Amino acid sequence: MSFQALILNQTARLVRYPEHRMNIAVSTLPTDYGPFSPPPVLKNPHLQTIVSSVGRRWLLPRREAGFIAQGRKEVVEVDGVRLAVHLHTRPGCPLVMIIPGWLGCHGSSYVLSGAAALWRAGFSVARINLRDHGFTADLNEGLFNSAMLDEVVGLVDYLTEAYGAPANGLIGHSL
């Protein structure tokens, strides 16, 4: 099995790491968007931050609400640790696994919007909660710390075997 990080951008170049069984697409974002001009009610940058993270939990766009309704939650046990995964699968389609940043979870706005876009593009998607993230503190005893990543590697192996296709992807935020 091999993993390939997917970046939906035409300016990506592929970097191969055969010893780790992965390829990574490295990309730079275009800079020709022009000046940023938010709506008048969102001129305050602090308000923009609040609305983009907390506000979207209550005000989900319809297409993301529909995307969430189509998925299912699965709790997977890996080496005695239970991890929650929110799945949207299509038989035979590449699986893209999304790992949020340290304070993020399956319901973070950046995870939802990326996962929904990948789903609409025809991919299977797994939104992974790290231990104690996304209201999962009741699944395990003990606390999670950043050195405890073997369970995540085991989960990625399980998801690839159970739901993956010959080509799969892994997106990690703030790792």
Protein backbone atom coordinates (compact mmCIF):
# COMPACT_ATOMS: atom_id res chain seq x y z
CA MET A 1 0.00 0.00 0.00
CA SER A 2 1.20 3.50 -0.70
CA PHE A 3 0.10 6.91 0.49
CA GLN A 4 0.04 10.10 -1.51
CA ALA A 5 -0.71 13.50 -0.04
CA LEU A 6 -3.23 15.27 -2.22
CA ILE A 7 -3.22 18.98 -2.84
CA LEU A 8 -5.89 20.21 -5.22
CA ASN A 9 -3.67 22.67 -7.01
CA GLN A 10 -2.20 22.55 -10.51
CA THR A 11 1.18 23.99 -9.49
CA ALA A 12 2.17 21.01 -7.30
CA ARG A 13 5.38 19.07 -7.77
CA LEU A 14 5.66 15.48 -6.56
CA VAL A 15 8.37 14.51 -4.07
CA ARG A 16 8.87 10.74 -3.71
CA TYR A 17 9.88 8.99 -0.47
CA PRO A 18 10.00 5.28 -1.42
CA GLU A 19 11.60 4.25 1.88
CA HIS A 20 8.47 5.51 3.69
CA ARG A 21 6.00 4.25 1.05
CA MET A 22 4.73 7.75 0.32
CA ASN A 23 4.70 10.54 -2.20
CA ILE A 24 4.02 14.12 -1.19
CA ALA A 25 2.69 16.82 -3.48
CA VAL A 26 4.36 20.10 -2.60
CA SER A 27 2.58 23.22 -3.74
CA THR A 28 2.63 26.96 -3.48
CA LEU A 29 -0.61 28.87 -3.47
CA PRO A 30 -1.33 31.36 -6.21
CA THR A 31 -0.98 34.98 -5.19
CA ASP A 32 -3.17 36.62 -7.80
CA TYR A 33 -6.39 36.74 -5.78
CA GLY A 34 -6.26 40.51 -5.35
CA PRO A 35 -6.82 42.38 -2.10
CA PHE A 36 -8.95 40.77 0.60
CA SER A 37 -12.17 42.66 1.19
CA PRO A 38 -14.54 41.09 3.74
CA PRO A 39 -18.18 42.10 4.05
CA PRO A 40 -18.62 45.24 6.21
CA VAL A 41 -19.97 43.26 9.17
CA LEU A 42 -16.74 41.18 9.21
CA LYS A 43 -14.14 43.96 8.94
CA ASN A 44 -12.82 43.18 12.45
CA PRO A 45 -10.11 40.44 12.12
CA HIS A 46 -10.94 39.01 15.57
CA LEU A 47 -14.56 38.59 14.57
CA GLN A 48 -13.42 36.84 11.36
CA THR A 49 -11.49 34.30 13.46
CA ILE A 50 -14.42 33.68 15.79
CA VAL A 51 -16.95 33.28 12.99
CA SER A 52 -14.68 30.99 10.93
CA SER A 53 -14.17 28.55 13.80
CA VAL A 54 -16.85 28.79 16.48
CA GLY A 55 -19.58 30.41 14.39
CA ARG A 56 -19.51 27.74 11.70
CA ARG A 57 -20.30 25.04 14.26
CA TRP A 58 -23.77 26.56 14.55
CA LEU A 59 -24.13 28.00 11.06
CA LEU A 60 -23.11 25.15 8.77
CA PRO A 61 -23.68 25.74 5.09
CA ARG A 62 -26.37 23.41 3.71
CA ARG A 63 -23.96 21.47 1.54
CA GLU A 64 -21.76 20.66 4.56
CA ALA A 65 -24.81 19.74 6.67
CA GLY A 66 -25.86 17.33 3.91
CA PHE A 67 -22.32 15.94 3.75
CA ILE A 68 -22.31 15.31 7.51
CA ALA A 69 -25.69 13.55 7.33
CA GLN A 70 -24.36 11.13 4.69
CA GLY A 71 -21.48 9.92 6.87
CA ARG A 72 -21.16 7.53 9.76
CA LYS A 73 -19.07 7.39 12.92
CA GLU A 74 -16.93 4.36 13.63
CA VAL A 75 -14.91 3.72 16.80
CA VAL A 76 -11.81 1.69 15.96
CA GLU A 77 -9.64 -0.04 18.55
CA VAL A 78 -5.92 0.05 17.78
CA ASP A 79 -3.46 -1.45 20.29
CA GLY A 80 -5.97 -1.07 23.13
CA VAL A 81 -6.80 2.55 22.24
CA ARG A 82 -10.20 3.51 20.84
CA LEU A 83 -10.26 6.27 18.21
CA ALA A 84 -13.30 7.84 16.54
CA VAL A 85 -13.42 8.23 12.78
CA HIS A 86 -16.16 9.87 10.72
CA LEU A 87 -16.40 8.06 7.39
CA HIS A 88 -17.82 8.83 3.97
CA THR A 89 -16.92 5.88 1.76
CA ARG A 90 -17.44 4.93 -1.84
CA PRO A 91 -16.39 1.43 -2.94
CA GLY A 92 -13.26 1.47 -5.10
CA CYS A 93 -12.58 5.20 -4.65
CA PRO A 94 -9.33 6.51 -3.18
CA LEU A 95 -9.57 7.20 0.55
CA VAL A 96 -8.29 10.54 1.85
CA MET A 97 -7.71 10.51 5.62
CA ILE A 98 -7.74 13.91 7.34
CA ILE A 99 -6.00 14.49 10.67
CA PRO A 100 -6.89 17.85 12.27
CA GLY A 101 -4.46 20.09 14.12
CA TRP A 102 -3.89 19.70 17.88
CA LEU A 103 -6.98 21.62 18.99
CA GLY A 104 -9.08 20.55 16.02
CA CYS A 105 -11.43 17.65 15.52
CA HIS A 106 -13.65 16.01 12.89
CA GLY A 107 -16.07 18.96 13.17
CA SER A 108 -13.53 21.78 12.75
CA SER A 109 -14.52 24.08 9.90
CA TYR A 110 -11.29 23.54 7.94
CA VAL A 111 -11.67 19.75 8.23
CA LEU A 112 -15.34 19.80 7.23
CA SER A 113 -14.89 22.10 4.25
CA GLY A 114 -11.90 20.14 2.93
CA ALA A 115 -13.59 16.77 3.48
CA ALA A 116 -16.81 17.92 1.81
CA ALA A 117 -14.88 19.21 -1.21
CA LEU A 118 -13.01 15.91 -1.53
CA TRP A 119 -16.29 13.97 -1.21
CA ARG A 120 -17.90 16.07 -3.95
CA ALA A 121 -14.82 15.40 -6.12
CA GLY A 122 -15.43 11.64 -5.84
CA PHE A 123 -13.08 10.58 -3.03
CA SER A 124 -13.86 8.51 0.04
CA VAL A 125 -13.07 10.54 3.17
CA ALA A 126 -12.15 9.68 6.77
CA ARG A 127 -12.08 12.51 9.32
CA ILE A 128 -9.88 11.21 12.15
CA ASN A 129 -10.09 12.35 15.76
CA LEU A 130 -6.89 11.98 17.72
CA ARG A 131 -7.31 10.57 21.22
CA ASP A 132 -9.22 12.98 23.51
CA HIS A 133 -10.18 15.24 20.58
CA GLY A 134 -13.70 15.92 19.34
CA PHE A 135 -15.60 14.90 22.48
CA THR A 136 -13.88 11.49 22.71
CA ALA A 137 -12.28 11.80 26.16
CA ASP A 138 -14.66 9.11 27.42
CA LEU A 139 -13.27 6.47 25.02
CA ASN A 140 -9.92 5.97 26.79
CA GLU A 141 -8.25 6.25 30.16
CA GLY A 142 -5.16 8.40 30.43
CA LEU A 143 -4.23 11.52 28.57
CA PHE A 144 -2.95 11.90 25.03
CA ASN A 145 0.31 13.66 24.25
CA SER A 146 2.12 14.37 21.01
CA ALA A 147 4.54 11.45 21.42
CA MET A 148 1.72 8.89 21.26
CA LEU A 149 1.34 8.62 17.50
CA ASP A 150 1.75 4.86 17.00
CA GLU A 151 -2.01 4.51 17.50
CA VAL A 152 -2.62 6.97 14.65
CA VAL A 153 -0.27 5.05 12.34
CA GLY A 154 -2.14 1.86 13.25
CA LEU A 155 -5.46 3.55 12.51
CA VAL A 156 -4.23 4.77 9.11
CA ASP A 157 -3.12 1.20 8.30
CA TYR A 158 -6.54 -0.15 9.35
CA LEU A 159 -8.50 2.45 7.34
CA THR A 160 -6.37 1.86 4.26
CA GLU A 161 -6.93 -1.88 4.47
CA ALA A 162 -10.67 -1.63 5.23
CA TYR A 163 -11.75 1.24 2.98
CA GLY A 164 -8.86 2.18 0.73
CA ALA A 165 -8.16 1.81 -2.95
CA PRO A 166 -4.81 1.25 -4.71
CA ALA A 167 -4.05 4.98 -4.22
CA ASN A 168 -4.92 6.76 -0.97
CA GLY A 169 -4.13 10.11 0.62
CA LEU A 170 -3.36 11.54 4.02
CA ILE A 171 -3.79 15.20 4.94
CA GLY A 172 -2.39 16.39 8.25
CA HIS A 173 -2.90 19.86 9.67
CA SER A 174 -0.39 21.48 12.01
CA LEU A 175 1.66 18.32 12.48
